[in-house]
């Protein structure tokens, strides 16, 4: 049975007449990478700040590791990187981490362990101001890892990184979760989220539109069939898979194909039936909606949150 690490119920934050977070109810489970997915300004950072006790909610409730956000019981087991790392530029990476470790009552050796965890041990003596953007982000994650917290909260950890830096960060986050820690990260980079997250919460205009595994959110598998004559192929596919599993699709270039609601396991029987009917098969391929397609479809119909009346 999965342990709940973060739970919110109707969590809301209002600034003046703007509803930044609107009745968000989400659940993060132990050992998973949970992606809080949404465009800039969707309310992701505000939600995270409420979970860290940095912002007081207007309404609703939240628990973090079974305790109210911001309490010593919760903060002792949480590491966070929100809105970019903030370090002393004239200190080295190791010295910055040792300052943070001392503030938390941790041994200085925890700083060295965190540096090694993010592959910065070889640059630990270099001043922070000489670090590349990717190194600065990794040092920020190292700060969040001090003391081996149960929950790591990361706000846009790949923001501004080049492809190589993104790949390094992705591998690091997967490694953290594999070690048993829970990662809650926000992002607007859908391809990154699709690769590393176990579950996602899709947010737009401050509202949580969906919460699910990436696979479930993308929907069931389907097949694309191009064969000639197409009408005869549709009849064969309907006989093998059922009439409700066959859909005629018009392509961008004026071509027409069949979309079949079926997985790869149906391909052998379908192929044999098409060949037996004497049809020419040009393509049978799996089709999966990307997380980006699902996200754009969901957010396109999401209206902005209502203004708060005075």
C-alpha atoms as a PDB file:
ATOM      1  CA  UNK A   1       0.000   0.000   0.000  1.00  0.00           C
ATOM      2  CA  UNK A   2       1.453   3.376  -1.052  1.00  0.00           C
ATOM      3  CA  UNK A   3       2.159   5.873   1.717  1.00  0.00           C
ATOM      4  CA  UNK A   4       0.862   9.385   1.124  1.00  0.00           C
ATOM      5  CA  UNK A   5       3.649  11.968   1.372  1.00  0.00           C
ATOM      6  CA  UNK A   6       1.726  15.085   0.312  1.00  0.00           C
ATOM      7  CA  UNK A   7      -2.031  15.595   0.383  1.00  0.00           C
ATOM      8  CA  UNK A   8      -4.021  18.754  -0.255  1.00  0.00           C
ATOM      9  CA  UNK A   9      -7.760  19.338  -0.082  1.00  0.00           C
ATOM     10  CA  UNK A  10      -9.199  22.428  -1.751  1.00  0.00           C
ATOM     11  CA  UNK A  11      -5.933  24.315  -1.375  1.00  0.00           C
ATOM     12  CA  UNK A  12      -6.527  27.922  -2.465  1.00  0.00           C
ATOM     13  CA  UNK A  13      -4.518  31.126  -2.559  1.00  0.00           C
ATOM     14  CA  UNK A  14      -5.991  34.512  -3.463  1.00  0.00           C
ATOM     15  CA  UNK A  15      -3.934  37.650  -4.036  1.00  0.00           C
ATOM     16  CA  UNK A  16      -6.187  40.690  -4.063  1.00  0.00           C
ATOM     17  CA  UNK A  17      -8.683  39.890  -6.808  1.00  0.00           C
ATOM     18  CA  UNK A  18      -6.561  37.183  -8.449  1.00  0.00           C
ATOM     19  CA  UNK A  19      -7.086  33.524  -7.606  1.00  0.00           C
ATOM     20  CA  UNK A  20      -3.561  32.126  -8.064  1.00  0.00           C
ATOM     21  CA  UNK A  21      -4.414  28.629  -6.801  1.00  0.00           C
ATOM     22  CA  UNK A  22      -8.000  27.447  -6.984  1.00  0.00           C
ATOM     23  CA  UNK A  23      -9.140  24.501  -4.825  1.00  0.00           C
ATOM     24  CA  UNK A  24      -6.269  22.148  -5.665  1.00  0.00           C
ATOM     25  CA  UNK A  25      -6.625  18.614  -4.274  1.00  0.00           C
ATOM     26  CA  UNK A  26      -3.566  16.491  -5.033  1.00  0.00           C
ATOM     27  CA  UNK A  27      -1.794  13.431  -3.645  1.00  0.00           C
ATOM     28  CA  UNK A  28       1.898  12.552  -3.851  1.00  0.00           C
ATOM     29  CA  UNK A  29       2.911   9.016  -2.917  1.00  0.00           C
ATOM     30  CA  UNK A  30       6.124   7.676  -1.414  1.00  0.00           C
ATOM     31  CA  UNK A  31       8.941   6.809  -3.800  1.00  0.00           C
ATOM     32  CA  UNK A  32       7.477   8.405  -6.911  1.00  0.00           C
ATOM     33  CA  UNK A  33       8.474  11.276  -9.161  1.00  0.00           C
ATOM     34  CA  UNK A  34       5.383  13.456  -9.297  1.00  0.00           C
ATOM     35  CA  UNK A  35       5.267  16.077 -12.016  1.00  0.00           C
ATOM     36  CA  UNK A  36       3.284  19.242 -11.375  1.00  0.00           C
ATOM     37  CA  UNK A  37       2.701  20.220 -14.968  1.00  0.00           C
ATOM     38  CA  UNK A  38       1.474  23.536 -16.295  1.00  0.00           C
ATOM     39  CA  UNK A  39       2.385  26.696 -18.200  1.00  0.00           C
ATOM     40  CA  UNK A  40       4.173  29.615 -16.571  1.00  0.00           C
ATOM     41  CA  UNK A  41       1.774  31.443 -14.270  1.00  0.00           C
ATOM     42  CA  UNK A  42      -0.439  28.403 -13.718  1.00  0.00           C
ATOM     43  CA  UNK A  43       0.026  28.440  -9.932  1.00  0.00           C
ATOM     44  CA  UNK A  44       2.707  25.760  -9.613  1.00  0.00           C
ATOM     45  CA  UNK A  45       5.236  27.782  -7.611  1.00  0.00           C
ATOM     46  CA  UNK A  46       2.567  29.254  -5.324  1.00  0.00           C
ATOM     47  CA  UNK A  47       1.302  25.751  -4.554  1.00  0.00           C
ATOM     48  CA  UNK A  48       4.814  24.578  -3.753  1.00  0.00           C
ATOM     49  CA  UNK A  49       5.414  27.551  -1.489  1.00  0.00           C
ATOM     50  CA  UNK A  50       2.239  26.697   0.420  1.00  0.00           C
ATOM     51  CA  UNK A  51       3.470  23.111   0.819  1.00  0.00           C
ATOM     52  CA  UNK A  52       6.742  24.439   2.227  1.00  0.00           C
ATOM     53  CA  UNK A  53       4.994  26.802   4.634  1.00  0.00           C
ATOM     54  CA  UNK A  54       6.364  29.896   2.863  1.00  0.00           C
ATOM     55  CA  UNK A  55       2.908  31.094   1.805  1.00  0.00           C
ATOM     56  CA  UNK A  56      -0.229  30.878   3.930  1.00  0.00           C
ATOM     57  CA  UNK A  57      -3.236  29.450   2.045  1.00  0.00           C
ATOM     58  CA  UNK A  58      -6.427  31.443   1.801  1.00  0.00           C
ATOM     59  CA  UNK A  59      -8.517  28.283   2.091  1.00  0.00           C
ATOM     60  CA  UNK A  60      -8.159  24.518   2.089  1.00  0.00           C
ATOM     61  CA  UNK A  61      -5.770  22.200   3.902  1.00  0.00           C
ATOM     62  CA  UNK A  62      -2.499  20.425   3.249  1.00  0.00           C
ATOM     63  CA  UNK A  63      -0.301  17.876   4.981  1.00  0.00           C
ATOM     64  CA  UNK A  64       3.341  17.128   4.209  1.00  0.00           C
ATOM     65  CA  UNK A  65       4.713  13.884   5.641  1.00  0.00           C
ATOM     66  CA  UNK A  66       1.709  13.805   7.941  1.00  0.00           C
ATOM     67  CA  UNK A  67       2.318  17.268   9.384  1.00  0.00           C
ATOM     68  CA  UNK A  68       1.094  20.784   8.576  1.00  0.00           C
ATOM     69  CA  UNK A  69       3.305  22.592   6.021  1.00  0.00           C
ATOM     70  CA  UNK A  70       6.118  24.668   7.470  1.00  0.00           C
ATOM     71  CA  UNK A  71       6.174  22.971  10.861  1.00  0.00           C
ATOM     72  CA  UNK A  72       9.506  21.673  12.191  1.00  0.00           C
ATOM     73  CA  UNK A  73       8.242  18.098  11.869  1.00  0.00           C
ATOM     74  CA  UNK A  74       7.644  18.580   8.148  1.00  0.00           C
ATOM     75  CA  UNK A  75      10.623  20.785   7.279  1.00  0.00           C
ATOM     76  CA  UNK A  76      13.100  18.424   8.938  1.00  0.00           C
ATOM     77  CA  UNK A  77      12.272  15.808   6.296  1.00  0.00           C
ATOM     78  CA  UNK A  78      11.912  18.063   3.243  1.00  0.00           C
ATOM     79  CA  UNK A  79      14.525  19.483   0.884  1.00  0.00           C
ATOM     80  CA  UNK A  80      13.588  22.153  -1.648  1.00  0.00           C
ATOM     81  CA  UNK A  81      14.793  24.186  -4.600  1.00  0.00           C
ATOM     82  CA  UNK A  82      12.217  26.835  -5.480  1.00  0.00           C
ATOM     83  CA  UNK A  83      12.689  29.599  -8.074  1.00  0.00           C
ATOM     84  CA  UNK A  84      16.383  29.005  -8.621  1.00  0.00           C
ATOM     85  CA  UNK A  85      19.302  28.420  -6.264  1.00  0.00           C
ATOM     86  CA  UNK A  86      20.455  31.253  -4.013  1.00  0.00           C
ATOM     87  CA  UNK A  87      24.081  30.977  -2.925  1.00  0.00           C
ATOM     88  CA  UNK A  88      26.962  33.234  -1.898  1.00  0.00           C
ATOM     89  CA  UNK A  89      28.848  33.934  -5.161  1.00  0.00           C
ATOM     90  CA  UNK A  90      32.219  34.442  -3.432  1.00  0.00           C
ATOM     91  CA  UNK A  91      32.096  31.062  -1.640  1.00  0.00           C
ATOM     92  CA  UNK A  92      32.875  27.724  -3.224  1.00  0.00           C
ATOM     93  CA  UNK A  93      30.194  25.165  -3.880  1.00  0.00           C
ATOM     94  CA  UNK A  94      31.382  23.093  -0.924  1.00  0.00           C
ATOM     95  CA  UNK A  95      31.509  26.121   1.389  1.00  0.00           C
ATOM     96  CA  UNK A  96      27.981  27.129   0.403  1.00  0.00           C
ATOM     97  CA  UNK A  97      26.689  23.664   1.211  1.00  0.00           C
ATOM     98  CA  UNK A  98      28.569  23.564   4.506  1.00  0.00           C
ATOM     99  CA  UNK A  99      26.957  26.858   5.540  1.00  0.00           C
ATOM    100  CA  UNK A 100      23.530  25.357   4.798  1.00  0.00           C
ATOM    101  CA  UNK A 101      24.443  22.116   6.576  1.00  0.00           C
ATOM    102  CA  UNK A 102      25.547  23.994   9.689  1.00  0.00           C
ATOM    103  CA  UNK A 103      22.303  25.991   9.649  1.00  0.00           C
ATOM    104  CA  UNK A 104      20.388  22.710   9.648  1.00  0.00           C
ATOM    105  CA  UNK A 105      22.542  21.223  12.403  1.00  0.00           C
ATOM    106  CA  UNK A 106      24.141  18.716  10.040  1.00  0.00           C
ATOM    107  CA  UNK A 107      27.710  17.474   9.927  1.00  0.00           C
ATOM    108  CA  UNK A 108      29.971  19.100   7.314  1.00  0.00           C
ATOM    109  CA  UNK A 109      30.476  15.692   5.725  1.00  0.00           C
ATOM    110  CA  UNK A 110      26.874  15.794   4.525  1.00  0.00           C
ATOM    111  CA  UNK A 111      27.892  18.621   2.187  1.00  0.00           C
ATOM    112  CA  UNK A 112      30.575  16.444   0.611  1.00  0.00           C
ATOM    113  CA  UNK A 113      28.102  13.586   0.220  1.00  0.00           C
ATOM    114  CA  UNK A 114      25.580  15.864  -1.468  1.00  0.00           C
ATOM    115  CA  UNK A 115      28.251  17.222  -3.847  1.00  0.00           C
ATOM    116  CA  UNK A 116      29.189  13.690  -4.836  1.00  0.00           C
ATOM    117  CA  UNK A 117      25.527  12.804  -5.342  1.00  0.00           C
ATOM    118  CA  UNK A 118      25.137  15.496  -8.009  1.00  0.00           C
ATOM    119  CA  UNK A 119      28.569  14.829  -9.563  1.00  0.00           C
ATOM    120  CA  UNK A 120      30.133  18.093  -8.437  1.00  0.00           C
ATOM    121  CA  UNK A 121      32.824  16.726  -6.102  1.00  0.00           C
ATOM    122  CA  UNK A 122      35.541  17.667  -8.585  1.00  0.00           C
ATOM    123  CA  UNK A 123      34.372  21.301  -8.689  1.00  0.00           C
ATOM    124  CA  UNK A 124      33.520  21.668  -5.015  1.00  0.00           C
ATOM    125  CA  UNK A 125      36.408  24.078  -4.350  1.00  0.00           C
ATOM    126  CA  UNK A 126      35.485  26.423  -7.217  1.00  0.00           C
ATOM    127  CA  UNK A 127      33.596  29.594  -6.406  1.00  0.00           C
ATOM    128  CA  UNK A 128      29.896  29.534  -7.126  1.00  0.00           C
ATOM    129  CA  UNK A 129      30.119  32.520  -9.465  1.00  0.00           C
ATOM    130  CA  UNK A 130      32.319  30.477 -11.832  1.00  0.00           C
ATOM    131  CA  UNK A 131      29.732  27.719 -12.196  1.00  0.00           C
ATOM    132  CA  UNK A 132      27.757  27.198 -15.386  1.00  0.00           C
ATOM    133  CA  UNK A 133      23.974  27.383 -15.214  1.00  0.00           C
ATOM    134  CA  UNK A 134      23.734  23.599 -15.181  1.00  0.00           C
ATOM    135  CA  UNK A 135      26.240  23.365 -12.318  1.00  0.00           C
ATOM    136  CA  UNK A 136      24.326  25.995 -10.359  1.00  0.00           C
ATOM    137  CA  UNK A 137      21.120  24.018 -10.776  1.00  0.00           C
ATOM    138  CA  UNK A 138      22.851  20.820  -9.668  1.00  0.00           C
ATOM    139  CA  UNK A 139      24.278  22.592  -6.621  1.00  0.00           C
ATOM    140  CA  UNK A 140      20.738  23.720  -5.825  1.00  0.00           C
ATOM    141  CA  UNK A 141      19.581  20.109  -5.967  1.00  0.00           C
ATOM    142  CA  UNK A 142      22.537  19.156  -3.754  1.00  0.00           C
ATOM    143  CA  UNK A 143      21.318  21.691  -1.188  1.00  0.00           C
ATOM    144  CA  UNK A 144      17.871  20.093  -1.325  1.00  0.00           C
ATOM    145  CA  UNK A 145      19.474  16.681  -0.722  1.00  0.00           C
ATOM    146  CA  UNK A 146      21.309  17.679   2.474  1.00  0.00           C
ATOM    147  CA  UNK A 147      20.388  15.330   5.295  1.00  0.00           C
ATOM    148  CA  UNK A 148      18.757  12.772   2.962  1.00  0.00           C
ATOM    149  CA  UNK A 149      15.191  14.171   3.206  1.00  0.00           C
ATOM    150  CA  UNK A 150      12.203  11.970   2.467  1.00  0.00           C
ATOM    151  CA  UNK A 151      10.693  14.553   0.094  1.00  0.00           C
ATOM    152  CA  UNK A 152      12.528  16.739  -2.418  1.00  0.00           C
ATOM    153  CA  UNK A 153      10.540  19.668  -3.863  1.00  0.00           C
ATOM    154  CA  UNK A 154      12.011  21.125  -7.054  1.00  0.00           C
ATOM    155  CA  UNK A 155      10.598  24.082  -8.965  1.00  0.00           C
ATOM    156  CA  UNK A 156      11.536  23.941 -12.674  1.00  0.00           C
ATOM    157  CA  UNK A 157      14.844  22.101 -12.068  1.00  0.00           C
ATOM    158  CA  UNK A 158      15.708  21.991 -15.800  1.00  0.00           C
ATOM    159  CA  UNK A 159      14.860  25.642 -16.449  1.00  0.00           C
ATOM    160  CA  UNK A 160      17.450  27.263 -18.723  1.00  0.00           C
ATOM    161  CA  UNK A 161      19.534  24.124 -19.186  1.00  0.00           C
ATOM    162  CA  UNK A 162      20.865  22.972 -22.537  1.00  0.00           C
ATOM    163  CA  UNK A 163      19.977  19.452 -23.789  1.00  0.00           C
ATOM    164  CA  UNK A 164      23.036  17.906 -22.115  1.00  0.00           C
ATOM    165  CA  UNK A 165      22.200  19.600 -18.826  1.00  0.00           C
ATOM    166  CA  UNK A 166      18.597  18.434 -19.070  1.00  0.00           C
ATOM    167  CA  UNK A 167      19.732  14.852 -19.608  1.00  0.00           C
ATOM    168  CA  UNK A 168      22.032  15.045 -16.583  1.00  0.00           C
ATOM    169  CA  UNK A 169      19.253  16.463 -14.415  1.00  0.00           C
ATOM    170  CA  UNK A 170      16.809  13.837 -15.663  1.00  0.00           C
ATOM    171  CA  UNK A 171      19.193  11.010 -14.766  1.00  0.00           C
ATOM    172  CA  UNK A 172      19.799  12.563 -11.347  1.00  0.00           C
ATOM    173  CA  UNK A 173      16.091  12.788 -10.522  1.00  0.00           C
ATOM    174  CA  UNK A 174      15.476   9.200 -11.601  1.00  0.00           C
ATOM    175  CA  UNK A 175      18.402   8.104  -9.422  1.00  0.00           C
ATOM    176  CA  UNK A 176      17.027  10.015  -6.421  1.00  0.00           C
ATOM    177  CA  UNK A 177      13.643   8.304  -6.730  1.00  0.00           C
ATOM    178  CA  UNK A 178      15.289   4.917  -7.250  1.00  0.00           C
ATOM    179  CA  UNK A 179      16.967   5.416  -3.877  1.00  0.00           C
ATOM    180  CA  UNK A 180      13.557   5.586  -2.184  1.00  0.00           C
ATOM    181  CA  UNK A 181      13.131   9.337  -1.868  1.00  0.00           C
ATOM    182  CA  UNK A 182      10.060  11.110  -3.220  1.00  0.00           C
ATOM    183  CA  UNK A 183      10.395  13.899  -5.773  1.00  0.00           C
ATOM    184  CA  UNK A 184       7.774  16.573  -6.405  1.00  0.00           C
ATOM    185  CA  UNK A 185       8.810  18.721  -9.326  1.00  0.00           C
ATOM    186  CA  UNK A 186       7.091  21.435 -11.303  1.00  0.00           C
ATOM    187  CA  UNK A 187       7.733  21.923 -14.991  1.00  0.00           C
ATOM    188  CA  UNK A 188       6.351  23.326 -18.207  1.00  0.00           C
ATOM    189  CA  UNK A 189       8.633  21.051 -20.297  1.00  0.00           C
ATOM    190  CA  UNK A 190       6.273  18.258 -21.217  1.00  0.00           C
ATOM    191  CA  UNK A 191       8.809  15.997 -22.913  1.00  0.00           C
ATOM    192  CA  UNK A 192      10.950  15.973 -19.768  1.00  0.00           C
ATOM    193  CA  UNK A 193       7.982  15.180 -17.544  1.00  0.00           C
ATOM    194  CA  UNK A 194       6.888  12.375 -19.843  1.00  0.00           C
ATOM    195  CA  UNK A 195      10.286  10.690 -19.510  1.00  0.00           C
ATOM    196  CA  UNK A 196      10.811  10.793 -15.756  1.00  0.00           C
ATOM    197  CA  UNK A 197       7.500  11.144 -13.907  1.00  0.00           C
ATOM    198  CA  UNK A 198       5.439   8.278 -12.509  1.00  0.00           C
ATOM    199  CA  UNK A 199       2.357  10.457 -12.068  1.00  0.00           C
ATOM    200  CA  UNK A 200       1.457  13.988 -13.027  1.00  0.00           C
ATOM    201  CA  UNK A 201      -0.945  16.688 -11.974  1.00  0.00           C
ATOM    202  CA  UNK A 202      -1.972  18.982 -14.818  1.00  0.00           C
ATOM    203  CA  UNK A 203      -2.692  22.534 -13.692  1.00  0.00           C
ATOM    204  CA  UNK A 204      -3.911  25.576 -15.601  1.00  0.00           C
ATOM    205  CA  UNK A 205      -5.255  28.914 -14.345  1.00  0.00           C
ATOM    206  CA  UNK A 206      -4.642  27.717 -10.789  1.00  0.00           C
ATOM    207  CA  UNK A 207      -6.877  24.648 -11.089  1.00  0.00           C
ATOM    208  CA  UNK A 208      -5.877  20.990 -11.108  1.00  0.00           C
ATOM    209  CA  UNK A 209      -7.395  19.599 -14.313  1.00  0.00           C
ATOM    210  CA  UNK A 210      -6.255  15.994 -13.944  1.00  0.00           C
ATOM    211  CA  UNK A 211      -4.091  13.750 -11.797  1.00  0.00           C
ATOM    212  CA  UNK A 212      -2.999  10.404 -13.200  1.00  0.00           C
ATOM    213  CA  UNK A 213      -0.139   8.257 -14.390  1.00  0.00           C
ATOM    214  CA  UNK A 214       1.479   9.442 -17.594  1.00  0.00           C
ATOM    215  CA  UNK A 215       0.350   6.277 -19.370  1.00  0.00           C
ATOM    216  CA  UNK A 216      -3.293   6.671 -18.331  1.00  0.00           C
ATOM    217  CA  UNK A 217      -3.290  10.339 -19.208  1.00  0.00           C
ATOM    218  CA  UNK A 218      -2.022   9.598 -22.698  1.00  0.00           C
ATOM    219  CA  UNK A 219      -4.802   7.091 -23.195  1.00  0.00           C
ATOM    220  CA  UNK A 220      -4.950   3.571 -24.526  1.00  0.00           C
ATOM    221  CA  UNK A 221      -2.893   2.239 -27.398  1.00  0.00           C
ATOM    222  CA  UNK A 222      -4.067   2.462 -30.986  1.00  0.00           C
ATOM    223  CA  UNK A 223      -2.824   1.433 -34.422  1.00  0.00           C
ATOM    224  CA  UNK A 224      -2.538   3.275 -37.725  1.00  0.00           C
ATOM    225  CA  UNK A 225      -3.445   1.179 -40.775  1.00  0.00           C
ATOM    226  CA  UNK A 226      -2.739   2.152 -44.360  1.00  0.00           C
ATOM    227  CA  UNK A 227      -3.951  -0.449 -46.855  1.00  0.00           C
ATOM    228  CA  UNK A 228      -5.559  -0.609 -50.301  1.00  0.00           C
ATOM    229  CA  UNK A 229      -8.433  -0.633 -50.970  1.00  0.00           C
ATOM    230  CA  UNK A 230      -9.079   1.278 -47.742  1.00  0.00           C
ATOM    231  CA  UNK A 231     -12.809   0.500 -47.575  1.00  0.00           C
ATOM    232  CA  UNK A 232     -12.114  -3.221 -47.802  1.00  0.00           C
ATOM    233  CA  UNK A 233      -9.416  -2.907 -45.143  1.00  0.00           C
ATOM    234  CA  UNK A 234     -11.891  -1.150 -42.863  1.00  0.00           C
ATOM    235  CA  UNK A 235     -14.332  -4.026 -43.291  1.00  0.00           C
ATOM    236  CA  UNK A 236     -11.655  -6.601 -42.455  1.00  0.00           C
ATOM    237  CA  UNK A 237     -10.488  -4.620 -39.410  1.00  0.00           C
ATOM    238  CA  UNK A 238     -14.083  -4.283 -38.194  1.00  0.00           C
ATOM    239  CA  UNK A 239     -14.543  -8.036 -38.497  1.00  0.00           C
ATOM    240  CA  UNK A 240     -11.340  -8.780 -36.543  1.00  0.00           C
ATOM    241  CA  UNK A 241     -11.526  -6.029 -33.909  1.00  0.00           C
ATOM    242  CA  UNK A 242     -15.190  -5.024 -33.866  1.00  0.00           C
ATOM    243  CA  UNK A 243     -16.894  -2.113 -35.652  1.00  0.00           C
ATOM    244  CA  UNK A 244     -16.402   0.319 -32.750  1.00  0.00           C
ATOM    245  CA  UNK A 245     -12.613  -0.123 -32.958  1.00  0.00           C
ATOM    246  CA  UNK A 246     -12.286   1.285 -36.491  1.00  0.00           C
ATOM    247  CA  UNK A 247     -12.167   4.989 -37.355  1.00  0.00           C
ATOM    248  CA  UNK A 248     -11.461   6.629 -40.707  1.00  0.00           C
ATOM    249  CA  UNK A 249      -8.991   9.521 -40.387  1.00  0.00           C
ATOM    250  CA  UNK A 250      -8.221  12.252 -42.924  1.00  0.00           C
ATOM    251  CA  UNK A 251      -4.514  13.083 -43.053  1.00  0.00           C
ATOM    252  CA  UNK A 252      -2.862  16.484 -43.424  1.00  0.00           C
ATOM    253  CA  UNK A 253      -1.880  15.716 -47.017  1.00  0.00           C
ATOM    254  CA  UNK A 254      -5.282  14.555 -48.120  1.00  0.00           C
ATOM    255  CA  UNK A 255      -4.484  10.879 -47.556  1.00  0.00           C
ATOM    256  CA  UNK A 256      -6.780   8.680 -45.510  1.00  0.00           C
ATOM    257  CA  UNK A 257      -5.874   6.058 -42.947  1.00  0.00           C
ATOM    258  CA  UNK A 258      -7.619   3.906 -40.389  1.00  0.00           C
ATOM    259  CA  UNK A 259      -7.166   4.418 -36.649  1.00  0.00           C
ATOM    260  CA  UNK A 260      -7.757   1.183 -34.787  1.00  0.00           C
ATOM    261  CA  UNK A 261      -8.427   0.946 -31.065  1.00  0.00           C
ATOM    262  CA  UNK A 262      -6.124  -1.995 -30.402  1.00  0.00           C
ATOM    263  CA  UNK A 263      -2.656  -2.762 -29.117  1.00  0.00           C
ATOM    264  CA  UNK A 264       0.323  -4.456 -30.704  1.00  0.00           C
ATOM    265  CA  UNK A 265      -1.030  -7.862 -29.709  1.00  0.00           C
ATOM    266  CA  UNK A 266      -3.719  -7.519 -32.386  1.00  0.00           C
ATOM    267  CA  UNK A 267      -1.259  -6.998 -35.250  1.00  0.00           C
ATOM    268  CA  UNK A 268      -0.599 -10.691 -36.182  1.00  0.00           C
ATOM    269  CA  UNK A 269      -4.285 -11.657 -36.490  1.00  0.00           C
ATOM    270  CA  UNK A 270      -5.115  -8.433 -38.317  1.00  0.00           C
ATOM    271  CA  UNK A 271      -2.224  -8.858 -40.753  1.00  0.00           C
ATOM    272  CA  UNK A 272      -3.198 -12.431 -41.579  1.00  0.00           C
ATOM    273  CA  UNK A 273      -6.798 -11.376 -42.205  1.00  0.00           C
ATOM    274  CA  UNK A 274      -5.759  -8.520 -44.495  1.00  0.00           C
ATOM    275  CA  UNK A 275      -3.396 -10.731 -46.478  1.00  0.00           C
ATOM    276  CA  UNK A 276      -6.056 -13.459 -46.786  1.00  0.00           C
ATOM    277  CA  UNK A 277      -8.431 -10.846 -48.218  1.00  0.00           C
ATOM    278  CA  UNK A 278      -5.865  -9.998 -50.885  1.00  0.00           C
ATOM    279  CA  UNK A 279      -5.280  -6.431 -49.710  1.00  0.00           C
ATOM    280  CA  UNK A 280      -2.075  -4.385 -50.078  1.00  0.00           C
ATOM    281  CA  UNK A 281      -0.697  -3.405 -46.679  1.00  0.00           C
ATOM    282  CA  UNK A 282       1.389  -0.228 -46.649  1.00  0.00           C
ATOM    283  CA  UNK A 283       1.608   0.412 -42.901  1.00  0.00           C
ATOM    284  CA  UNK A 284       0.556  -0.948 -39.540  1.00  0.00           C
ATOM    285  CA  UNK A 285       2.147   1.079 -36.766  1.00  0.00           C
ATOM    286  CA  UNK A 286       1.427   1.938 -33.118  1.00  0.00           C
ATOM    287  CA  UNK A 287       0.126   5.419 -32.373  1.00  0.00           C
ATOM    288  CA  UNK A 288       0.515   7.080 -28.978  1.00  0.00           C
ATOM    289  CA  UNK A 289      -0.532  10.562 -28.046  1.00  0.00           C
ATOM    290  CA  UNK A 290       2.280  12.545 -26.529  1.00  0.00           C
ATOM    291  CA  UNK A 291       1.833  14.210 -23.168  1.00  0.00           C
ATOM    292  CA  UNK A 292       2.056  17.520 -25.020  1.00  0.00           C
ATOM    293  CA  UNK A 293      -0.959  16.644 -27.190  1.00  0.00           C
ATOM    294  CA  UNK A 294      -2.978  15.641 -24.132  1.00  0.00           C
ATOM    295  CA  UNK A 295      -1.924  18.764 -22.242  1.00  0.00           C
ATOM    296  CA  UNK A 296      -2.826  21.145 -25.065  1.00  0.00           C
ATOM    297  CA  UNK A 297      -6.172  19.429 -25.488  1.00  0.00           C
ATOM    298  CA  UNK A 298      -6.958  19.731 -21.777  1.00  0.00           C
ATOM    299  CA  UNK A 299      -5.796  23.302 -21.274  1.00  0.00           C
ATOM    300  CA  UNK A 300      -7.382  24.648 -24.458  1.00  0.00           C
ATOM    301  CA  UNK A 301     -10.824  24.270 -22.930  1.00  0.00           C
ATOM    302  CA  UNK A 302      -9.837  25.398 -19.425  1.00  0.00           C
ATOM    303  CA  UNK A 303     -11.171  28.864 -18.653  1.00  0.00           C
ATOM    304  CA  UNK A 304      -9.277  31.286 -16.402  1.00  0.00           C
ATOM    305  CA  UNK A 305     -10.219  31.305 -12.740  1.00  0.00           C
ATOM    306  CA  UNK A 306     -12.955  33.760 -11.822  1.00  0.00           C
ATOM    307  CA  UNK A 307     -11.890  37.037 -10.310  1.00  0.00           C
ATOM    308  CA  UNK A 308     -12.621  37.391  -6.613  1.00  0.00           C
ATOM    309  CA  UNK A 309     -15.444  39.841  -6.023  1.00  0.00           C
ATOM    310  CA  UNK A 310     -15.007  42.413  -3.317  1.00  0.00           C
END
